[in-house]
Amino acid sequence: MHSNNFSISTDKSKLDLAMIHDFLKNSYWSKDIPIAVVEKSIANSFCFGVYKDNKQVGFARVITDYATFAYLADVFILESYRGQGLGKWLVKSILEHAELQGLRKWLLGTRNAHELYRQYGFQKLAIPEIYMEISNPNIYKR
């Protein structure tokens, strides 16, 4: 997938682990995450990188069984590349990817990007009382 000088790839060998880790360890959702955990999460997810020429400027991963369910996680565009529609392009590319069609349920969590995701059909949980969670927000601070 290409647009102007940008591309999106699912080739994990192209991912810049150091850049991804640097962003995630400073994000509100995975503060202080160890690099080994980022590596393991990438190894066990369907990953998407956004590139300007050959430099990675964005990332997202999908945790999925490729048949019924997907969880969209760790979506970001580096701050200096925001405002160019790259986040929208990334989310659209993920949702339209051939290997992710026909899924019964998609989930994600976001503190501040609800409007972005609403454009692609995400909405509040229809029946929130049926969902449960185990939450360990400070797990990486131990």
N, C-alpha and C. Protein backbone atom coordinates (compact mmCIF):
# COMPACT_ATOMS: atom_id res chain seq x y z
N MET A 1 0.85 -1.17 0.00
CA MET A 1 0.00 0.00 0.00
C MET A 1 0.90 1.24 0.00
N HIS A 2 0.67 2.11 -0.95
CA HIS A 2 1.50 3.30 -1.09
C HIS A 2 0.64 4.54 -1.26
N SER A 3 1.11 5.66 -0.74
CA SER A 3 0.48 6.96 -0.90
C SER A 3 1.55 8.02 -0.76
N ASN A 4 1.75 8.82 -1.81
CA ASN A 4 2.84 9.80 -1.84
C ASN A 4 4.15 9.09 -1.55
N ASN A 5 4.91 9.54 -0.60
CA ASN A 5 6.18 8.89 -0.24
C ASN A 5 6.00 7.94 0.94
N PHE A 6 4.77 7.61 1.29
CA PHE A 6 4.48 6.76 2.44
C PHE A 6 4.02 5.38 1.97
N SER A 7 4.28 4.38 2.80
CA SER A 7 3.81 3.04 2.52
C SER A 7 3.41 2.37 3.82
N ILE A 8 2.58 1.35 3.70
CA ILE A 8 2.19 0.51 4.83
C ILE A 8 2.59 -0.91 4.48
N SER A 9 3.21 -1.59 5.44
CA SER A 9 3.66 -2.95 5.21
C SER A 9 3.35 -3.82 6.43
N THR A 10 3.09 -5.10 6.16
CA THR A 10 2.91 -6.08 7.24
C THR A 10 4.16 -6.95 7.40
N ASP A 11 5.24 -6.57 6.75
CA ASP A 11 6.50 -7.31 6.82
C ASP A 11 7.19 -6.99 8.16
N LYS A 12 7.18 -7.95 9.07
CA LYS A 12 7.76 -7.73 10.40
C LYS A 12 9.26 -7.46 10.35
N SER A 13 9.94 -7.93 9.33
CA SER A 13 11.39 -7.70 9.24
C SER A 13 11.72 -6.23 9.02
N LYS A 14 10.76 -5.44 8.59
CA LYS A 14 10.98 -4.01 8.36
C LYS A 14 10.75 -3.17 9.62
N LEU A 15 10.13 -3.76 10.65
CA LEU A 15 9.78 -2.99 11.85
C LEU A 15 11.02 -2.50 12.58
N ASP A 16 10.95 -1.26 13.06
CA ASP A 16 12.02 -0.64 13.84
C ASP A 16 11.67 -0.83 15.32
N LEU A 17 12.14 -1.92 15.89
CA LEU A 17 11.80 -2.28 17.27
C LEU A 17 12.18 -1.17 18.25
N ALA A 18 13.33 -0.56 18.08
CA ALA A 18 13.76 0.50 19.00
C ALA A 18 12.79 1.68 18.98
N MET A 19 12.35 2.09 17.78
CA MET A 19 11.42 3.20 17.67
C MET A 19 10.07 2.84 18.28
N ILE A 20 9.58 1.63 17.99
CA ILE A 20 8.30 1.19 18.54
C ILE A 20 8.38 1.16 20.06
N HIS A 21 9.44 0.58 20.59
CA HIS A 21 9.59 0.50 22.04
C HIS A 21 9.68 1.89 22.66
N ASP A 22 10.44 2.78 22.04
CA ASP A 22 10.59 4.14 22.57
C ASP A 22 9.23 4.84 22.66
N PHE A 23 8.42 4.67 21.63
CA PHE A 23 7.09 5.29 21.67
C PHE A 23 6.23 4.65 22.75
N LEU A 24 6.14 3.34 22.73
CA LEU A 24 5.23 2.65 23.66
C LEU A 24 5.61 2.84 25.12
N LYS A 25 6.89 2.85 25.43
CA LYS A 25 7.29 2.99 26.84
C LYS A 25 6.95 4.36 27.41
N ASN A 26 6.64 5.30 26.52
CA ASN A 26 6.25 6.65 26.94
C ASN A 26 4.77 6.93 26.74
N SER A 27 4.01 5.94 26.26
CA SER A 27 2.58 6.14 26.02
C SER A 27 1.78 5.92 27.30
N TYR A 28 0.56 6.46 27.34
CA TYR A 28 -0.27 6.29 28.53
C TYR A 28 -0.71 4.85 28.72
N TRP A 29 -0.81 4.07 27.66
CA TRP A 29 -1.36 2.72 27.78
C TRP A 29 -0.30 1.65 28.06
N SER A 30 0.97 1.95 27.88
CA SER A 30 1.99 0.93 28.16
C SER A 30 3.25 1.57 28.75
N LYS A 31 3.04 2.51 29.64
CA LYS A 31 4.14 3.23 30.29
C LYS A 31 5.17 2.26 30.86
N ASP A 32 6.43 2.48 30.50
CA ASP A 32 7.57 1.70 31.02
C ASP A 32 7.60 0.24 30.55
N ILE A 33 6.93 -0.07 29.46
CA ILE A 33 6.91 -1.45 28.96
C ILE A 33 8.33 -1.90 28.61
N PRO A 34 8.75 -3.05 29.06
CA PRO A 34 10.10 -3.55 28.71
C PRO A 34 10.18 -3.95 27.23
N ILE A 35 11.34 -3.80 26.65
CA ILE A 35 11.52 -4.12 25.23
C ILE A 35 11.22 -5.60 24.95
N ALA A 36 11.51 -6.48 25.90
CA ALA A 36 11.23 -7.91 25.70
C ALA A 36 9.73 -8.16 25.54
N VAL A 37 8.92 -7.38 26.25
CA VAL A 37 7.46 -7.53 26.14
C VAL A 37 6.99 -7.02 24.78
N VAL A 38 7.58 -5.91 24.31
CA VAL A 38 7.24 -5.39 22.99
C VAL A 38 7.60 -6.42 21.92
N GLU A 39 8.79 -7.00 22.03
CA GLU A 39 9.22 -8.04 21.07
C GLU A 39 8.23 -9.21 21.04
N LYS A 40 7.83 -9.67 22.21
CA LYS A 40 6.91 -10.81 22.30
C LYS A 40 5.54 -10.44 21.73
N SER A 41 5.09 -9.21 21.99
CA SER A 41 3.79 -8.78 21.47
C SER A 41 3.81 -8.71 19.95
N ILE A 42 4.90 -8.26 19.38
CA ILE A 42 5.04 -8.19 17.92
C ILE A 42 5.09 -9.60 17.33
N ALA A 43 5.83 -10.48 17.97
CA ALA A 43 5.96 -11.86 17.47
C ALA A 43 4.62 -12.57 17.41
N ASN A 44 3.70 -12.19 18.30
CA ASN A 44 2.42 -12.88 18.41
C ASN A 44 1.23 -12.07 17.90
N SER A 45 1.49 -11.09 17.05
CA SER A 45 0.43 -10.23 16.50
C SER A 45 0.63 -10.05 15.01
N PHE A 46 -0.42 -9.59 14.35
CA PHE A 46 -0.39 -9.19 12.95
C PHE A 46 -0.05 -7.71 12.96
N CYS A 47 1.13 -7.35 12.48
CA CYS A 47 1.64 -5.98 12.64
C CYS A 47 1.63 -5.20 11.34
N PHE A 48 1.44 -3.89 11.48
CA PHE A 48 1.42 -2.95 10.36
C PHE A 48 2.40 -1.82 10.67
N GLY A 49 3.31 -1.56 9.77
CA GLY A 49 4.22 -0.44 9.90
C GLY A 49 3.91 0.61 8.84
N VAL A 50 4.02 1.87 9.20
CA VAL A 50 3.88 2.98 8.27
C VAL A 50 5.28 3.54 8.05
N TYR A 51 5.64 3.75 6.79
CA TYR A 51 7.00 4.16 6.44
C TYR A 51 7.00 5.38 5.53
N LYS A 52 7.91 6.28 5.80
CA LYS A 52 8.22 7.39 4.88
C LYS A 52 9.53 7.00 4.25
N ASP A 53 9.49 6.71 2.96
CA ASP A 53 10.63 6.09 2.29
C ASP A 53 10.91 4.79 3.04
N ASN A 54 12.05 4.64 3.70
CA ASN A 54 12.32 3.41 4.46
C ASN A 54 12.34 3.64 5.97
N LYS A 55 11.95 4.83 6.42
CA LYS A 55 11.95 5.15 7.85
C LYS A 55 10.56 4.90 8.42
N GLN A 56 10.48 4.12 9.50
CA GLN A 56 9.19 3.84 10.11
C GLN A 56 8.70 5.06 10.89
N VAL A 57 7.44 5.43 10.64
CA VAL A 57 6.84 6.60 11.28
C VAL A 57 5.52 6.27 11.98
N GLY A 58 5.08 5.02 11.89
CA GLY A 58 3.84 4.63 12.53
C GLY A 58 3.77 3.13 12.71
N PHE A 59 2.80 2.70 13.52
CA PHE A 59 2.71 1.29 13.87
C PHE A 59 1.30 0.97 14.37
N ALA A 60 0.91 -0.26 14.19
CA ALA A 60 -0.30 -0.81 14.82
C ALA A 60 -0.16 -2.32 14.79
N ARG A 61 -0.85 -2.97 15.72
CA ARG A 61 -0.87 -4.42 15.69
C ARG A 61 -2.27 -4.90 15.97
N VAL A 62 -2.57 -6.07 15.42
CA VAL A 62 -3.87 -6.68 15.59
C VAL A 62 -3.66 -8.04 16.24
N ILE A 63 -4.34 -8.26 17.35
CA ILE A 63 -4.31 -9.54 18.04
C ILE A 63 -5.57 -10.26 17.56
N THR A 64 -5.39 -11.38 16.85
CA THR A 64 -6.52 -11.99 16.19
C THR A 64 -6.38 -13.50 16.01
N ASP A 65 -7.52 -14.14 15.81
CA ASP A 65 -7.52 -15.55 15.41
C ASP A 65 -7.76 -15.66 13.90
N TYR A 66 -7.89 -14.52 13.21
CA TYR A 66 -8.10 -14.43 11.76
C TYR A 66 -9.44 -15.04 11.31
N ALA A 67 -10.29 -15.42 12.23
CA ALA A 67 -11.56 -16.04 11.86
C ALA A 67 -12.76 -15.34 12.46
N THR A 68 -12.67 -14.98 13.76
CA THR A 68 -13.84 -14.44 14.44
C THR A 68 -13.60 -13.14 15.20
N PHE A 69 -12.37 -12.87 15.62
CA PHE A 69 -12.12 -11.78 16.57
C PHE A 69 -10.81 -11.07 16.29
N ALA A 70 -10.81 -9.76 16.55
CA ALA A 70 -9.58 -8.98 16.46
C ALA A 70 -9.60 -7.87 17.50
N TYR A 71 -8.45 -7.61 18.08
CA TYR A 71 -8.26 -6.50 19.00
C TYR A 71 -7.19 -5.60 18.40
N LEU A 72 -7.55 -4.36 18.13
CA LEU A 72 -6.63 -3.38 17.55
C LEU A 72 -5.86 -2.71 18.68
N ALA A 73 -4.53 -2.74 18.60
CA ALA A 73 -3.71 -2.27 19.71
C ALA A 73 -2.50 -1.46 19.23
N ASP A 74 -1.98 -0.65 20.12
CA ASP A 74 -0.71 0.06 19.93
C ASP A 74 -0.66 0.87 18.64
N VAL A 75 -1.76 1.52 18.31
CA VAL A 75 -1.84 2.33 17.09
C VAL A 75 -1.21 3.69 17.36
N PHE A 76 -0.21 4.05 16.54
CA PHE A 76 0.36 5.39 16.68
C PHE A 76 1.06 5.84 15.40
N ILE A 77 1.12 7.15 15.25
CA ILE A 77 1.92 7.83 14.24
C ILE A 77 2.83 8.76 15.02
N LEU A 78 4.11 8.78 14.69
CA LEU A 78 5.03 9.69 15.37
C LEU A 78 4.52 11.12 15.26
N GLU A 79 4.69 11.89 16.32
CA GLU A 79 4.13 13.23 16.41
C GLU A 79 4.49 14.11 15.22
N SER A 80 5.71 14.06 14.75
CA SER A 80 6.13 14.93 13.65
C SER A 80 5.49 14.57 12.31
N TYR A 81 4.78 13.44 12.24
CA TYR A 81 4.12 13.01 11.00
C TYR A 81 2.60 13.06 11.12
N ARG A 82 2.09 13.54 12.24
CA ARG A 82 0.64 13.62 12.42
C ARG A 82 0.06 14.78 11.60
N GLY A 83 -1.24 14.73 11.39
CA GLY A 83 -1.92 15.78 10.65
C GLY A 83 -1.89 15.60 9.14
N GLN A 84 -1.41 14.45 8.69
CA GLN A 84 -1.33 14.17 7.26
C GLN A 84 -2.28 13.07 6.82
N GLY A 85 -3.13 12.62 7.74
CA GLY A 85 -4.08 11.57 7.42
C GLY A 85 -3.51 10.17 7.52
N LEU A 86 -2.30 10.03 8.06
CA LEU A 86 -1.65 8.71 8.14
C LEU A 86 -2.36 7.77 9.10
N GLY A 87 -2.85 8.28 10.22
CA GLY A 87 -3.58 7.44 11.17
C GLY A 87 -4.86 6.90 10.55
N LYS A 88 -5.58 7.76 9.84
CA LYS A 88 -6.80 7.32 9.16
C LYS A 88 -6.47 6.27 8.10
N TRP A 89 -5.43 6.52 7.33
CA TRP A 89 -5.02 5.58 6.29
C TRP A 89 -4.64 4.23 6.90
N LEU A 90 -3.91 4.29 8.03
CA LEU A 90 -3.49 3.06 8.70
C LEU A 90 -4.70 2.26 9.17
N VAL A 91 -5.63 2.90 9.87
CA VAL A 91 -6.81 2.18 10.38
C VAL A 91 -7.64 1.62 9.22
N LYS A 92 -7.85 2.41 8.19
CA LYS A 92 -8.60 1.95 7.01
C LYS A 92 -7.91 0.75 6.37
N SER A 93 -6.60 0.81 6.24
CA SER A 93 -5.84 -0.30 5.64
C SER A 93 -5.94 -1.57 6.46
N ILE A 94 -5.92 -1.43 7.77
CA ILE A 94 -6.06 -2.59 8.66
C ILE A 94 -7.44 -3.22 8.49
N LEU A 95 -8.47 -2.39 8.58
CA LEU A 95 -9.84 -2.90 8.51
C LEU A 95 -10.18 -3.50 7.14
N GLU A 96 -9.49 -3.05 6.10
CA GLU A 96 -9.75 -3.56 4.75
C GLU A 96 -8.81 -4.70 4.35
N HIS A 97 -7.86 -5.04 5.21
CA HIS A 97 -6.88 -6.08 4.86
C HIS A 97 -7.60 -7.41 4.60
N ALA A 98 -7.21 -8.08 3.54
CA ALA A 98 -7.86 -9.32 3.11
C ALA A 98 -7.90 -10.39 4.20
N GLU A 99 -6.86 -10.47 5.02
CA GLU A 99 -6.81 -11.52 6.05
C GLU A 99 -7.70 -11.21 7.26
N LEU A 100 -8.29 -10.01 7.30
CA LEU A 100 -9.09 -9.61 8.45
C LEU A 100 -10.55 -9.39 8.10
N GLN A 101 -11.00 -10.00 7.02
CA GLN A 101 -12.39 -9.85 6.60
C GLN A 101 -13.26 -10.94 7.23
N GLY A 102 -14.52 -10.60 7.46
CA GLY A 102 -15.49 -11.58 7.96
C GLY A 102 -15.41 -11.84 9.45
N LEU A 103 -14.70 -11.00 10.19
CA LEU A 103 -14.60 -11.19 11.64
C LEU A 103 -15.91 -10.78 12.31
N ARG A 104 -16.29 -11.51 13.33
CA ARG A 104 -17.53 -11.23 14.06
C ARG A 104 -17.38 -10.03 14.98
N LYS A 105 -16.20 -9.82 15.55
CA LYS A 105 -16.04 -8.76 16.55
C LYS A 105 -14.65 -8.13 16.45
N TRP A 106 -14.62 -6.81 16.52
CA TRP A 106 -13.39 -6.02 16.66
C TRP A 106 -13.51 -5.24 17.96
N LEU A 107 -12.42 -5.14 18.71
CA LEU A 107 -12.38 -4.32 19.92
C LEU A 107 -11.13 -3.45 19.88
N LEU A 108 -11.17 -2.38 20.64
CA LEU A 108 -9.99 -1.56 20.88
C LEU A 108 -10.24 -0.75 22.13
N GLY A 109 -9.19 -0.18 22.65
CA GLY A 109 -9.31 0.73 23.77
C GLY A 109 -8.59 2.02 23.43
N THR A 110 -9.21 3.15 23.73
CA THR A 110 -8.57 4.44 23.49
C THR A 110 -9.05 5.45 24.52
N ARG A 111 -8.18 6.32 24.91
CA ARG A 111 -8.52 7.37 25.85
C ARG A 111 -8.93 8.65 25.10
N ASN A 112 -8.36 8.85 23.90
CA ASN A 112 -8.54 10.15 23.27
C ASN A 112 -8.74 10.15 21.75
N ALA A 113 -8.98 9.01 21.14
CA ALA A 113 -9.13 8.97 19.68
C ALA A 113 -10.47 8.39 19.25
N HIS A 114 -11.49 8.60 20.04
CA HIS A 114 -12.81 8.05 19.73
C HIS A 114 -13.33 8.52 18.37
N GLU A 115 -13.14 9.78 18.06
CA GLU A 115 -13.65 10.31 16.78
C GLU A 115 -12.98 9.64 15.59
N LEU A 116 -11.69 9.38 15.69
CA LEU A 116 -10.99 8.69 14.61
C LEU A 116 -11.63 7.32 14.36
N TYR A 117 -11.80 6.55 15.41
CA TYR A 117 -12.30 5.19 15.26
C TYR A 117 -13.79 5.13 14.90
N ARG A 118 -14.57 6.12 15.34
CA ARG A 118 -15.99 6.16 14.97
C ARG A 118 -16.17 6.23 13.46
N GLN A 119 -15.24 6.90 12.77
CA GLN A 119 -15.31 7.02 11.31
C GLN A 119 -15.26 5.67 10.62
N TYR A 120 -14.77 4.67 11.32
CA TYR A 120 -14.61 3.34 10.73
C TYR A 120 -15.56 2.31 11.33
N GLY A 121 -16.58 2.79 12.03
CA GLY A 121 -17.61 1.89 12.53
C GLY A 121 -17.49 1.48 13.98
N PHE A 122 -16.40 1.84 14.65
CA PHE A 122 -16.29 1.51 16.07
C PHE A 122 -17.28 2.35 16.86
N GLN A 123 -17.85 1.76 17.89
CA GLN A 123 -18.78 2.47 18.76
C GLN A 123 -18.66 1.94 20.18
N LYS A 124 -19.33 2.60 21.10
CA LYS A 124 -19.34 2.12 22.48
C LYS A 124 -19.87 0.70 22.50
N LEU A 125 -19.47 -0.07 23.50
CA LEU A 125 -19.95 -1.44 23.62
C LEU A 125 -21.47 -1.46 23.68
N ALA A 126 -22.08 -2.28 22.86
CA ALA A 126 -23.53 -2.38 22.82
C ALA A 126 -24.10 -2.93 24.13
N ILE A 127 -23.40 -3.90 24.69
CA ILE A 127 -23.84 -4.52 25.95
C ILE A 127 -22.63 -4.57 26.89
N PRO A 128 -22.23 -3.43 27.44
CA PRO A 128 -21.00 -3.42 28.25
C PRO A 128 -21.04 -4.33 29.47
N GLU A 129 -22.24 -4.61 29.96
CA GLU A 129 -22.33 -5.44 31.16
C GLU A 129 -21.94 -6.89 30.92
N ILE A 130 -21.78 -7.33 29.67
CA ILE A 130 -21.35 -8.71 29.45
C ILE A 130 -19.83 -8.84 29.36
N TYR A 131 -19.13 -7.70 29.33
CA TYR A 131 -17.67 -7.74 29.22
C TYR A 131 -17.04 -7.58 30.59
N MET A 132 -15.95 -8.27 30.78
CA MET A 132 -15.19 -8.18 32.03
C MET A 132 -13.73 -8.01 31.68
N GLU A 133 -12.96 -7.57 32.64
CA GLU A 133 -11.54 -7.40 32.39
C GLU A 133 -10.74 -7.65 33.66
N ILE A 134 -9.48 -7.96 33.44
CA ILE A 134 -8.46 -7.93 34.48
C ILE A 134 -7.52 -6.83 34.06
N SER A 135 -7.34 -5.83 34.86
CA SER A 135 -6.53 -4.69 34.48
C SER A 135 -5.36 -4.52 35.45
N ASN A 136 -4.17 -4.44 34.89
CA ASN A 136 -2.95 -4.24 35.67
C ASN A 136 -2.19 -3.04 35.08
N PRO A 137 -2.70 -1.82 35.24
CA PRO A 137 -2.10 -0.66 34.58
C PRO A 137 -0.67 -0.35 34.99
N ASN A 138 -0.25 -0.78 36.14
CA ASN A 138 1.11 -0.49 36.61
C ASN A 138 2.02 -1.71 36.54
N ILE A 139 1.70 -2.68 35.72
CA ILE A 139 2.45 -3.93 35.67
C ILE A 139 3.92 -3.73 35.32
N TYR A 140 4.24 -2.73 34.50
CA TYR A 140 5.63 -2.54 34.06
C TYR A 140 6.45 -1.73 35.05
N LYS A 141 5.84 -1.24 36.10
CA LYS A 141 6.56 -0.46 37.11
C LYS A 141 7.09 -1.32 38.25
N ARG A 142 6.82 -2.63 38.18
CA ARG A 142 7.24 -3.53 39.26
C ARG A 142 8.72 -3.77 39.22
